[in-house]
Amino acid sequence: MARTFRGESNHKVDAKGRVSIPALFRRVLEGADPEWREGLQPRVVIVYGDEKRKQLECFPQEAIDEVDALIAKLPRGSSKRKALQRLYSAQAHPTTVDETGRLVLPAKLRNKIGLDGEAYFIGNGDTFEIWTPDAYDASMSEGLDGDDDFDPDVDPSVYLDALGEG
């Protein structure tokens, strides 16, 4: 079963915070939860973070287990470990997909990103993100000019060739 989230789609969010997960994303969540079996609901951890984050990042069980293992390699009490634990453990909401393929997003998470009526799902490899459509559109022009060897004006697929040479 595929372990990669790909694609994008809009989904309605009801007054109780229920939103359908794209069907392909549900299959990835099932495949990335070692405890999932037919009849069980796959687990997901929604990382909401601090005020700098404008999206919810959703981790299937295998991906969050990998993050936890990486954090555990850092020295106890170090600032990096504390910051990562706050983000991935404290500022996170563990949940499951319901029997109809929906997530229930608590009001705290909806309010944090201003989610009201419509959620925009973005596949992000081993995670997926939930945005408001407007916030995602605004983010498309941000954050791509920080690397010395990155040119935001070229087709990004040119960087794959360089990776294959290594």
N, C-alpha and C. Protein backbone atom coordinates (compact mmCIF):
# COMPACT_ATOMS: atom_id res chain seq x y z
N MET A 1 0.84 -1.18 0.00
CA MET A 1 0.00 0.00 0.00
C MET A 1 0.89 1.25 0.00
N ALA A 2 0.51 2.23 -0.75
CA ALA A 2 1.29 3.47 -0.86
C ALA A 2 1.40 4.17 0.49
N ARG A 3 2.55 4.77 0.73
CA ARG A 3 2.79 5.49 1.98
C ARG A 3 3.04 6.98 1.73
N THR A 4 2.58 7.48 0.59
CA THR A 4 2.84 8.86 0.23
C THR A 4 1.52 9.58 -0.02
N PHE A 5 1.38 10.75 0.62
CA PHE A 5 0.22 11.60 0.39
C PHE A 5 0.50 12.48 -0.81
N ARG A 6 -0.38 12.40 -1.80
CA ARG A 6 -0.24 13.21 -3.01
C ARG A 6 -1.58 13.84 -3.35
N GLY A 7 -1.52 15.03 -3.93
CA GLY A 7 -2.72 15.69 -4.41
C GLY A 7 -3.20 16.78 -3.48
N GLU A 8 -4.30 17.39 -3.91
CA GLU A 8 -4.91 18.48 -3.17
C GLU A 8 -6.41 18.45 -3.41
N SER A 9 -7.18 18.88 -2.42
CA SER A 9 -8.63 18.92 -2.60
C SER A 9 -9.28 19.76 -1.53
N ASN A 10 -10.44 20.30 -1.87
CA ASN A 10 -11.26 21.08 -0.94
C ASN A 10 -12.33 20.18 -0.34
N HIS A 11 -12.61 20.40 0.94
CA HIS A 11 -13.66 19.65 1.62
C HIS A 11 -14.41 20.55 2.58
N LYS A 12 -15.71 20.36 2.65
CA LYS A 12 -16.55 21.13 3.57
C LYS A 12 -16.29 20.68 5.02
N VAL A 13 -16.33 21.67 5.92
CA VAL A 13 -16.22 21.41 7.36
C VAL A 13 -17.58 21.77 7.95
N ASP A 14 -18.19 20.82 8.68
CA ASP A 14 -19.50 21.12 9.24
C ASP A 14 -19.37 21.85 10.58
N ALA A 15 -20.48 22.21 11.18
CA ALA A 15 -20.49 23.01 12.41
C ALA A 15 -19.84 22.28 13.58
N LYS A 16 -19.79 20.95 13.53
CA LYS A 16 -19.16 20.17 14.60
C LYS A 16 -17.68 19.93 14.34
N GLY A 17 -17.16 20.47 13.25
CA GLY A 17 -15.75 20.30 12.93
C GLY A 17 -15.42 19.03 12.18
N ARG A 18 -16.42 18.36 11.65
CA ARG A 18 -16.17 17.12 10.91
C ARG A 18 -15.83 17.46 9.47
N VAL A 19 -14.78 16.81 8.97
CA VAL A 19 -14.35 17.03 7.59
C VAL A 19 -13.93 15.69 7.00
N SER A 20 -14.39 15.40 5.80
CA SER A 20 -14.00 14.16 5.12
C SER A 20 -12.56 14.26 4.66
N ILE A 21 -11.82 13.19 4.89
CA ILE A 21 -10.44 13.10 4.42
C ILE A 21 -10.48 12.56 3.00
N PRO A 22 -9.66 13.09 2.08
CA PRO A 22 -9.63 12.51 0.74
C PRO A 22 -9.43 10.99 0.81
N ALA A 23 -10.16 10.26 -0.03
CA ALA A 23 -10.12 8.79 0.01
C ALA A 23 -8.71 8.24 -0.12
N LEU A 24 -7.90 8.79 -1.02
CA LEU A 24 -6.52 8.31 -1.16
C LEU A 24 -5.70 8.55 0.10
N PHE A 25 -5.96 9.64 0.80
CA PHE A 25 -5.26 9.91 2.05
C PHE A 25 -5.65 8.88 3.12
N ARG A 26 -6.91 8.48 3.13
CA ARG A 26 -7.36 7.47 4.11
C ARG A 26 -6.62 6.15 3.90
N ARG A 27 -6.41 5.77 2.63
CA ARG A 27 -5.68 4.53 2.36
C ARG A 27 -4.24 4.61 2.88
N VAL A 28 -3.62 5.78 2.73
CA VAL A 28 -2.25 5.96 3.23
C VAL A 28 -2.24 5.87 4.76
N LEU A 29 -3.20 6.51 5.41
CA LEU A 29 -3.28 6.44 6.87
C LEU A 29 -3.44 5.00 7.35
N GLU A 30 -4.27 4.25 6.67
CA GLU A 30 -4.45 2.84 7.04
C GLU A 30 -3.15 2.07 6.89
N GLY A 31 -2.48 2.25 5.76
CA GLY A 31 -1.24 1.52 5.51
C GLY A 31 -0.09 1.93 6.40
N ALA A 32 -0.15 3.15 6.95
CA ALA A 32 0.94 3.65 7.78
C ALA A 32 0.64 3.51 9.27
N ASP A 33 -0.37 2.75 9.61
CA ASP A 33 -0.67 2.47 11.02
C ASP A 33 -0.48 0.98 11.25
N PRO A 34 0.63 0.59 11.90
CA PRO A 34 0.92 -0.84 12.08
C PRO A 34 -0.18 -1.61 12.82
N GLU A 35 -1.01 -0.92 13.60
CA GLU A 35 -2.07 -1.59 14.36
C GLU A 35 -3.40 -1.62 13.60
N TRP A 36 -3.48 -0.96 12.42
CA TRP A 36 -4.74 -0.91 11.71
C TRP A 36 -5.09 -2.26 11.11
N ARG A 37 -6.34 -2.63 11.26
CA ARG A 37 -6.91 -3.82 10.63
C ARG A 37 -8.30 -3.44 10.14
N GLU A 38 -8.85 -4.20 9.22
CA GLU A 38 -10.21 -3.96 8.74
C GLU A 38 -11.15 -3.87 9.95
N GLY A 39 -11.96 -2.83 9.97
CA GLY A 39 -12.88 -2.62 11.09
C GLY A 39 -12.34 -1.66 12.14
N LEU A 40 -11.04 -1.37 12.12
CA LEU A 40 -10.45 -0.40 13.05
C LEU A 40 -10.27 0.93 12.34
N GLN A 41 -10.11 1.97 13.11
CA GLN A 41 -9.93 3.30 12.54
C GLN A 41 -8.45 3.69 12.62
N PRO A 42 -7.85 4.17 11.53
CA PRO A 42 -6.43 4.53 11.55
C PRO A 42 -6.19 5.75 12.44
N ARG A 43 -5.03 5.74 13.08
CA ARG A 43 -4.62 6.83 13.96
C ARG A 43 -3.92 7.92 13.17
N VAL A 44 -4.06 9.14 13.65
CA VAL A 44 -3.42 10.30 13.04
C VAL A 44 -3.10 11.28 14.16
N VAL A 45 -1.97 11.97 14.04
CA VAL A 45 -1.61 13.02 14.99
C VAL A 45 -1.62 14.33 14.23
N ILE A 46 -2.42 15.27 14.71
CA ILE A 46 -2.53 16.59 14.08
C ILE A 46 -1.66 17.55 14.87
N VAL A 47 -0.60 18.03 14.23
CA VAL A 47 0.31 18.98 14.86
C VAL A 47 -0.15 20.38 14.46
N TYR A 48 -0.47 21.18 15.47
CA TYR A 48 -0.96 22.53 15.18
C TYR A 48 0.07 23.61 15.47
N GLY A 49 0.99 23.38 16.39
CA GLY A 49 2.09 24.31 16.62
C GLY A 49 1.67 25.65 17.18
N ASP A 50 2.58 26.60 17.07
CA ASP A 50 2.35 27.92 17.64
C ASP A 50 1.73 28.86 16.61
N GLU A 51 1.73 30.15 16.93
CA GLU A 51 1.06 31.13 16.07
C GLU A 51 1.71 31.29 14.71
N LYS A 52 2.96 30.85 14.54
CA LYS A 52 3.62 30.97 13.23
C LYS A 52 3.04 29.99 12.21
N ARG A 53 2.48 28.90 12.67
CA ARG A 53 1.91 27.90 11.76
C ARG A 53 0.51 28.29 11.35
N LYS A 54 0.28 28.33 10.07
CA LYS A 54 -1.03 28.71 9.52
C LYS A 54 -1.80 27.49 9.02
N GLN A 55 -1.28 26.30 9.29
CA GLN A 55 -1.88 25.06 8.82
C GLN A 55 -1.81 24.01 9.92
N LEU A 56 -2.56 22.95 9.72
CA LEU A 56 -2.50 21.77 10.58
C LEU A 56 -1.72 20.71 9.79
N GLU A 57 -0.72 20.11 10.41
CA GLU A 57 0.04 19.06 9.74
C GLU A 57 -0.35 17.72 10.35
N CYS A 58 -0.77 16.81 9.50
CA CYS A 58 -1.31 15.53 9.95
C CYS A 58 -0.32 14.41 9.66
N PHE A 59 0.03 13.68 10.72
CA PHE A 59 1.02 12.61 10.64
C PHE A 59 0.34 11.26 10.83
N PRO A 60 0.57 10.33 9.89
CA PRO A 60 0.13 8.96 10.15
C PRO A 60 1.02 8.36 11.25
N GLN A 61 0.62 7.25 11.79
CA GLN A 61 1.33 6.69 12.94
C GLN A 61 2.81 6.42 12.65
N GLU A 62 3.14 5.82 11.51
CA GLU A 62 4.55 5.54 11.21
C GLU A 62 5.38 6.81 11.15
N ALA A 63 4.86 7.88 10.58
CA ALA A 63 5.61 9.13 10.45
C ALA A 63 5.84 9.78 11.80
N ILE A 64 4.83 9.79 12.67
CA ILE A 64 5.02 10.41 13.99
C ILE A 64 5.96 9.55 14.83
N ASP A 65 5.93 8.22 14.64
CA ASP A 65 6.88 7.35 15.35
C ASP A 65 8.31 7.67 14.94
N GLU A 66 8.53 7.95 13.65
CA GLU A 66 9.87 8.34 13.18
C GLU A 66 10.31 9.66 13.79
N VAL A 67 9.40 10.61 13.87
CA VAL A 67 9.72 11.91 14.48
C VAL A 67 10.08 11.71 15.95
N ASP A 68 9.28 10.93 16.67
CA ASP A 68 9.56 10.67 18.09
C ASP A 68 10.93 10.02 18.28
N ALA A 69 11.30 9.09 17.41
CA ALA A 69 12.60 8.43 17.50
C ALA A 69 13.74 9.42 17.28
N LEU A 70 13.56 10.33 16.33
CA LEU A 70 14.59 11.36 16.10
C LEU A 70 14.72 12.29 17.30
N ILE A 71 13.62 12.69 17.87
CA ILE A 71 13.65 13.57 19.05
C ILE A 71 14.36 12.87 20.21
N ALA A 72 14.12 11.58 20.37
CA ALA A 72 14.72 10.82 21.47
C ALA A 72 16.23 10.74 21.37
N LYS A 73 16.79 10.98 20.19
CA LYS A 73 18.25 10.95 20.01
C LYS A 73 18.92 12.20 20.58
N LEU A 74 18.15 13.26 20.79
CA LEU A 74 18.72 14.49 21.34
C LEU A 74 18.89 14.37 22.85
N PRO A 75 19.88 15.07 23.40
CA PRO A 75 20.09 15.00 24.86
C PRO A 75 18.87 15.50 25.63
N ARG A 76 18.53 14.75 26.70
CA ARG A 76 17.42 15.18 27.55
C ARG A 76 17.73 16.56 28.11
N GLY A 77 16.72 17.42 28.10
CA GLY A 77 16.91 18.75 28.67
C GLY A 77 17.50 19.76 27.71
N SER A 78 17.93 19.32 26.52
CA SER A 78 18.49 20.28 25.57
C SER A 78 17.37 21.16 25.02
N SER A 79 17.72 22.36 24.62
CA SER A 79 16.72 23.29 24.08
C SER A 79 16.08 22.75 22.82
N LYS A 80 16.87 22.10 21.94
CA LYS A 80 16.30 21.55 20.72
C LYS A 80 15.28 20.46 21.03
N ARG A 81 15.63 19.58 21.97
CA ARG A 81 14.69 18.50 22.33
C ARG A 81 13.42 19.08 22.94
N LYS A 82 13.56 20.05 23.83
CA LYS A 82 12.38 20.67 24.45
C LYS A 82 11.48 21.31 23.39
N ALA A 83 12.09 22.04 22.45
CA ALA A 83 11.30 22.72 21.41
C ALA A 83 10.57 21.70 20.54
N LEU A 84 11.27 20.63 20.16
CA LEU A 84 10.64 19.61 19.33
C LEU A 84 9.56 18.86 20.08
N GLN A 85 9.78 18.57 21.37
CA GLN A 85 8.75 17.89 22.15
C GLN A 85 7.52 18.78 22.30
N ARG A 86 7.73 20.06 22.48
CA ARG A 86 6.57 20.97 22.59
C ARG A 86 5.76 20.94 21.30
N LEU A 87 6.46 20.98 20.17
CA LEU A 87 5.76 21.00 18.89
C LEU A 87 5.04 19.68 18.61
N TYR A 88 5.77 18.57 18.68
CA TYR A 88 5.23 17.29 18.24
C TYR A 88 4.49 16.49 19.31
N SER A 89 4.61 16.90 20.57
CA SER A 89 3.88 16.20 21.63
C SER A 89 2.85 17.10 22.30
N ALA A 90 3.27 18.30 22.73
CA ALA A 90 2.34 19.19 23.44
C ALA A 90 1.39 19.90 22.49
N GLN A 91 1.90 20.42 21.38
CA GLN A 91 1.06 21.17 20.43
C GLN A 91 0.55 20.23 19.34
N ALA A 92 0.01 19.12 19.79
CA ALA A 92 -0.46 18.07 18.88
C ALA A 92 -1.74 17.46 19.43
N HIS A 93 -2.54 16.95 18.53
CA HIS A 93 -3.82 16.35 18.89
C HIS A 93 -3.90 14.94 18.29
N PRO A 94 -3.70 13.89 19.11
CA PRO A 94 -3.86 12.53 18.59
C PRO A 94 -5.35 12.20 18.44
N THR A 95 -5.68 11.56 17.34
CA THR A 95 -7.08 11.22 17.08
C THR A 95 -7.13 10.02 16.15
N THR A 96 -8.32 9.66 15.74
CA THR A 96 -8.51 8.60 14.75
C THR A 96 -9.47 9.11 13.69
N VAL A 97 -9.44 8.48 12.55
CA VAL A 97 -10.40 8.74 11.49
C VAL A 97 -11.68 8.03 11.90
N ASP A 98 -12.83 8.69 11.76
CA ASP A 98 -14.06 8.02 12.17
C ASP A 98 -14.50 6.99 11.13
N GLU A 99 -15.55 6.27 11.43
CA GLU A 99 -15.98 5.15 10.57
C GLU A 99 -16.46 5.61 9.20
N THR A 100 -16.74 6.90 9.03
CA THR A 100 -17.17 7.40 7.72
C THR A 100 -16.04 8.11 6.98
N GLY A 101 -14.79 8.01 7.49
CA GLY A 101 -13.65 8.61 6.80
C GLY A 101 -13.45 10.08 7.08
N ARG A 102 -13.93 10.52 8.24
CA ARG A 102 -13.80 11.93 8.58
C ARG A 102 -12.89 12.12 9.79
N LEU A 103 -12.31 13.32 9.85
CA LEU A 103 -11.63 13.79 11.06
C LEU A 103 -12.59 14.73 11.76
N VAL A 104 -12.56 14.71 13.08
CA VAL A 104 -13.27 15.71 13.85
C VAL A 104 -12.21 16.66 14.37
N LEU A 105 -12.25 17.90 13.87
CA LEU A 105 -11.28 18.92 14.26
C LEU A 105 -11.88 19.73 15.41
N PRO A 106 -11.26 19.66 16.60
CA PRO A 106 -11.78 20.43 17.74
C PRO A 106 -11.79 21.93 17.43
N ALA A 107 -12.67 22.65 18.11
CA ALA A 107 -12.79 24.10 17.90
C ALA A 107 -11.45 24.80 18.07
N LYS A 108 -10.65 24.36 19.02
CA LYS A 108 -9.33 24.99 19.25
C LYS A 108 -8.49 24.97 17.97
N LEU A 109 -8.49 23.84 17.27
CA LEU A 109 -7.69 23.72 16.05
C LEU A 109 -8.31 24.52 14.91
N ARG A 110 -9.61 24.46 14.78
CA ARG A 110 -10.29 25.23 13.73
C ARG A 110 -10.06 26.72 13.93
N ASN A 111 -10.20 27.18 15.17
CA ASN A 111 -10.01 28.60 15.46
C ASN A 111 -8.56 29.02 15.24
N LYS A 112 -7.62 28.15 15.55
CA LYS A 112 -6.21 28.49 15.41
C LYS A 112 -5.84 28.88 13.99
N ILE A 113 -6.40 28.15 13.01
CA ILE A 113 -6.06 28.47 11.62
C ILE A 113 -7.19 29.21 10.89
N GLY A 114 -8.25 29.54 11.62
CA GLY A 114 -9.35 30.28 10.99
C GLY A 114 -10.19 29.44 10.05
N LEU A 115 -10.30 28.14 10.35
CA LEU A 115 -11.04 27.22 9.49
C LEU A 115 -12.53 27.38 9.72
N ASP A 116 -13.22 27.81 8.68
CA ASP A 116 -14.65 28.07 8.80
C ASP A 116 -15.35 27.69 7.50
N GLY A 117 -15.83 26.47 7.44
CA GLY A 117 -16.61 26.07 6.28
C GLY A 117 -15.89 25.27 5.23
N GLU A 118 -14.61 25.55 4.97
CA GLU A 118 -13.91 24.83 3.91
C GLU A 118 -12.46 24.57 4.31
N ALA A 119 -12.02 23.33 4.11
CA ALA A 119 -10.64 22.92 4.39
C ALA A 119 -9.96 22.54 3.08
N TYR A 120 -8.72 22.93 2.96
CA TYR A 120 -7.92 22.62 1.78
C TYR A 120 -6.85 21.62 2.18
N PHE A 121 -6.94 20.40 1.63
CA PHE A 121 -6.00 19.32 1.95
C PHE A 121 -4.87 19.33 0.93
N ILE A 122 -3.64 19.22 1.40
CA ILE A 122 -2.45 19.22 0.56
C ILE A 122 -1.60 18.00 0.90
N GLY A 123 -1.34 17.13 -0.07
CA GLY A 123 -0.43 16.02 0.14
C GLY A 123 0.99 16.55 0.27
N ASN A 124 1.72 16.01 1.23
CA ASN A 124 3.04 16.53 1.54
C ASN A 124 4.03 15.37 1.77
N GLY A 125 3.94 14.34 0.94
CA GLY A 125 4.85 13.21 1.12
C GLY A 125 4.39 12.29 2.23
N ASP A 126 5.13 12.29 3.36
CA ASP A 126 4.76 11.39 4.45
C ASP A 126 3.77 12.02 5.43
N THR A 127 3.34 13.27 5.17
CA THR A 127 2.30 13.92 5.96
C THR A 127 1.33 14.60 4.99
N PHE A 128 0.24 15.12 5.54
CA PHE A 128 -0.61 16.00 4.75
C PHE A 128 -0.97 17.20 5.61
N GLU A 129 -1.34 18.28 4.94
CA GLU A 129 -1.66 19.51 5.64
C GLU A 129 -3.10 19.91 5.37
N ILE A 130 -3.67 20.60 6.36
CA ILE A 130 -5.01 21.18 6.23
C ILE A 130 -4.86 22.68 6.39
N TRP A 131 -5.32 23.42 5.40
CA TRP A 131 -5.24 24.88 5.37
C TRP A 131 -6.63 25.45 5.13
N THR A 132 -6.77 26.75 5.34
CA THR A 132 -7.89 27.45 4.73
C THR A 132 -7.44 27.73 3.30
N PRO A 133 -8.33 27.74 2.35
CA PRO A 133 -7.91 28.00 0.97
C PRO A 133 -7.15 29.33 0.81
N ASP A 134 -7.60 30.39 1.47
CA ASP A 134 -6.94 31.69 1.35
C ASP A 134 -5.53 31.67 1.93
N ALA A 135 -5.36 31.03 3.09
CA ALA A 135 -4.03 30.98 3.71
C ALA A 135 -3.07 30.18 2.85
N TYR A 136 -3.55 29.10 2.24
CA TYR A 136 -2.68 28.31 1.37
C TYR A 136 -2.26 29.13 0.15
N ASP A 137 -3.20 29.81 -0.46
CA ASP A 137 -2.87 30.64 -1.62
C ASP A 137 -1.81 31.68 -1.26
N ALA A 138 -1.95 32.31 -0.09
CA ALA A 138 -0.98 33.31 0.34
C ALA A 138 0.39 32.68 0.61
N SER A 139 0.41 31.44 1.09
CA SER A 139 1.67 30.78 1.42
C SER A 139 2.48 30.38 0.19
N MET A 140 1.81 30.27 -0.95
CA MET A 140 2.50 29.82 -2.16
C MET A 140 3.62 30.76 -2.58
N SER A 141 3.55 32.01 -2.19
CA SER A 141 4.60 32.95 -2.57
C SER A 141 5.61 33.19 -1.46
N GLU A 142 5.48 32.47 -0.36
CA GLU A 142 6.37 32.67 0.78
C GLU A 142 7.38 31.54 0.90
N GLY A 143 8.52 31.85 1.47
CA GLY A 143 9.46 30.85 1.94
C GLY A 143 10.27 30.10 0.90
N LEU A 144 10.29 30.53 -0.34
CA LEU A 144 11.05 29.80 -1.35
C LEU A 144 12.29 30.57 -1.80
N ASP A 145 12.70 31.56 -1.05
CA ASP A 145 13.85 32.34 -1.49
C ASP A 145 15.00 32.32 -0.47
N GLY A 146 14.99 31.38 0.47
CA GLY A 146 16.00 31.36 1.52
C GLY A 146 17.29 30.64 1.18
N ASP A 147 17.27 29.72 0.22
CA ASP A 147 18.46 28.95 -0.11
C ASP A 147 19.30 29.67 -1.16
N ASP A 148 20.63 29.61 -0.99
CA ASP A 148 21.53 30.26 -1.94
C ASP A 148 21.45 29.64 -3.34
N ASP A 149 21.20 28.33 -3.40
CA ASP A 149 21.22 27.66 -4.70
C ASP A 149 19.82 27.33 -5.22
N PHE A 150 18.81 28.03 -4.73
CA PHE A 150 17.45 27.80 -5.18
C PHE A 150 16.96 29.00 -5.95
N ASP A 151 16.44 28.75 -7.13
CA ASP A 151 15.89 29.81 -7.96
C ASP A 151 14.38 29.60 -8.05
N PRO A 152 13.58 30.45 -7.40
CA PRO A 152 12.13 30.26 -7.41
C PRO A 152 11.49 30.48 -8.77
N ASP A 153 12.26 30.97 -9.75
CA ASP A 153 11.70 31.26 -11.07
C ASP A 153 11.87 30.12 -12.07
N VAL A 154 12.50 29.01 -11.67
CA VAL A 154 12.64 27.87 -12.59
C VAL A 154 11.73 26.74 -12.15
N ASP A 155 11.47 25.82 -13.04
CA ASP A 155 10.68 24.64 -12.73
C ASP A 155 11.44 23.83 -11.67
N PRO A 156 10.85 23.56 -10.49
CA PRO A 156 11.59 22.88 -9.42
C PRO A 156 12.06 21.47 -9.78
N SER A 157 11.50 20.85 -10.82
CA SER A 157 11.94 19.50 -11.18
C SER A 157 13.40 19.47 -11.61
N VAL A 158 14.00 20.61 -11.97
CA VAL A 158 15.41 20.62 -12.36
C VAL A 158 16.31 20.20 -11.19
N TYR A 159 15.84 20.36 -9.97
CA TYR A 159 16.65 20.00 -8.80
C TYR A 159 16.71 18.49 -8.58
N LEU A 160 15.81 17.73 -9.19
CA LEU A 160 15.86 16.28 -9.10
C LEU A 160 17.10 15.73 -9.79
N ASP A 161 17.49 16.32 -10.92
CA ASP A 161 18.68 15.86 -11.63
C ASP A 161 19.91 15.93 -10.74
N ALA A 162 20.05 17.01 -10.01
CA ALA A 162 21.22 17.18 -9.12
C ALA A 162 21.21 16.14 -8.02
N LEU A 163 20.05 15.76 -7.53
CA LEU A 163 19.97 14.75 -6.47
C LEU A 163 20.38 13.38 -6.99
N GLY A 164 20.08 13.10 -8.23
CA GLY A 164 20.43 11.81 -8.83
C GLY A 164 21.91 11.65 -9.09
N GLU A 165 22.65 12.76 -9.13
CA GLU A 165 24.09 12.70 -9.42
C GLU A 165 24.92 12.33 -8.22
N GLY A 166 24.34 12.43 -7.01
CA GLY A 166 25.10 12.23 -5.77
C GLY A 166 25.33 10.86 -5.38
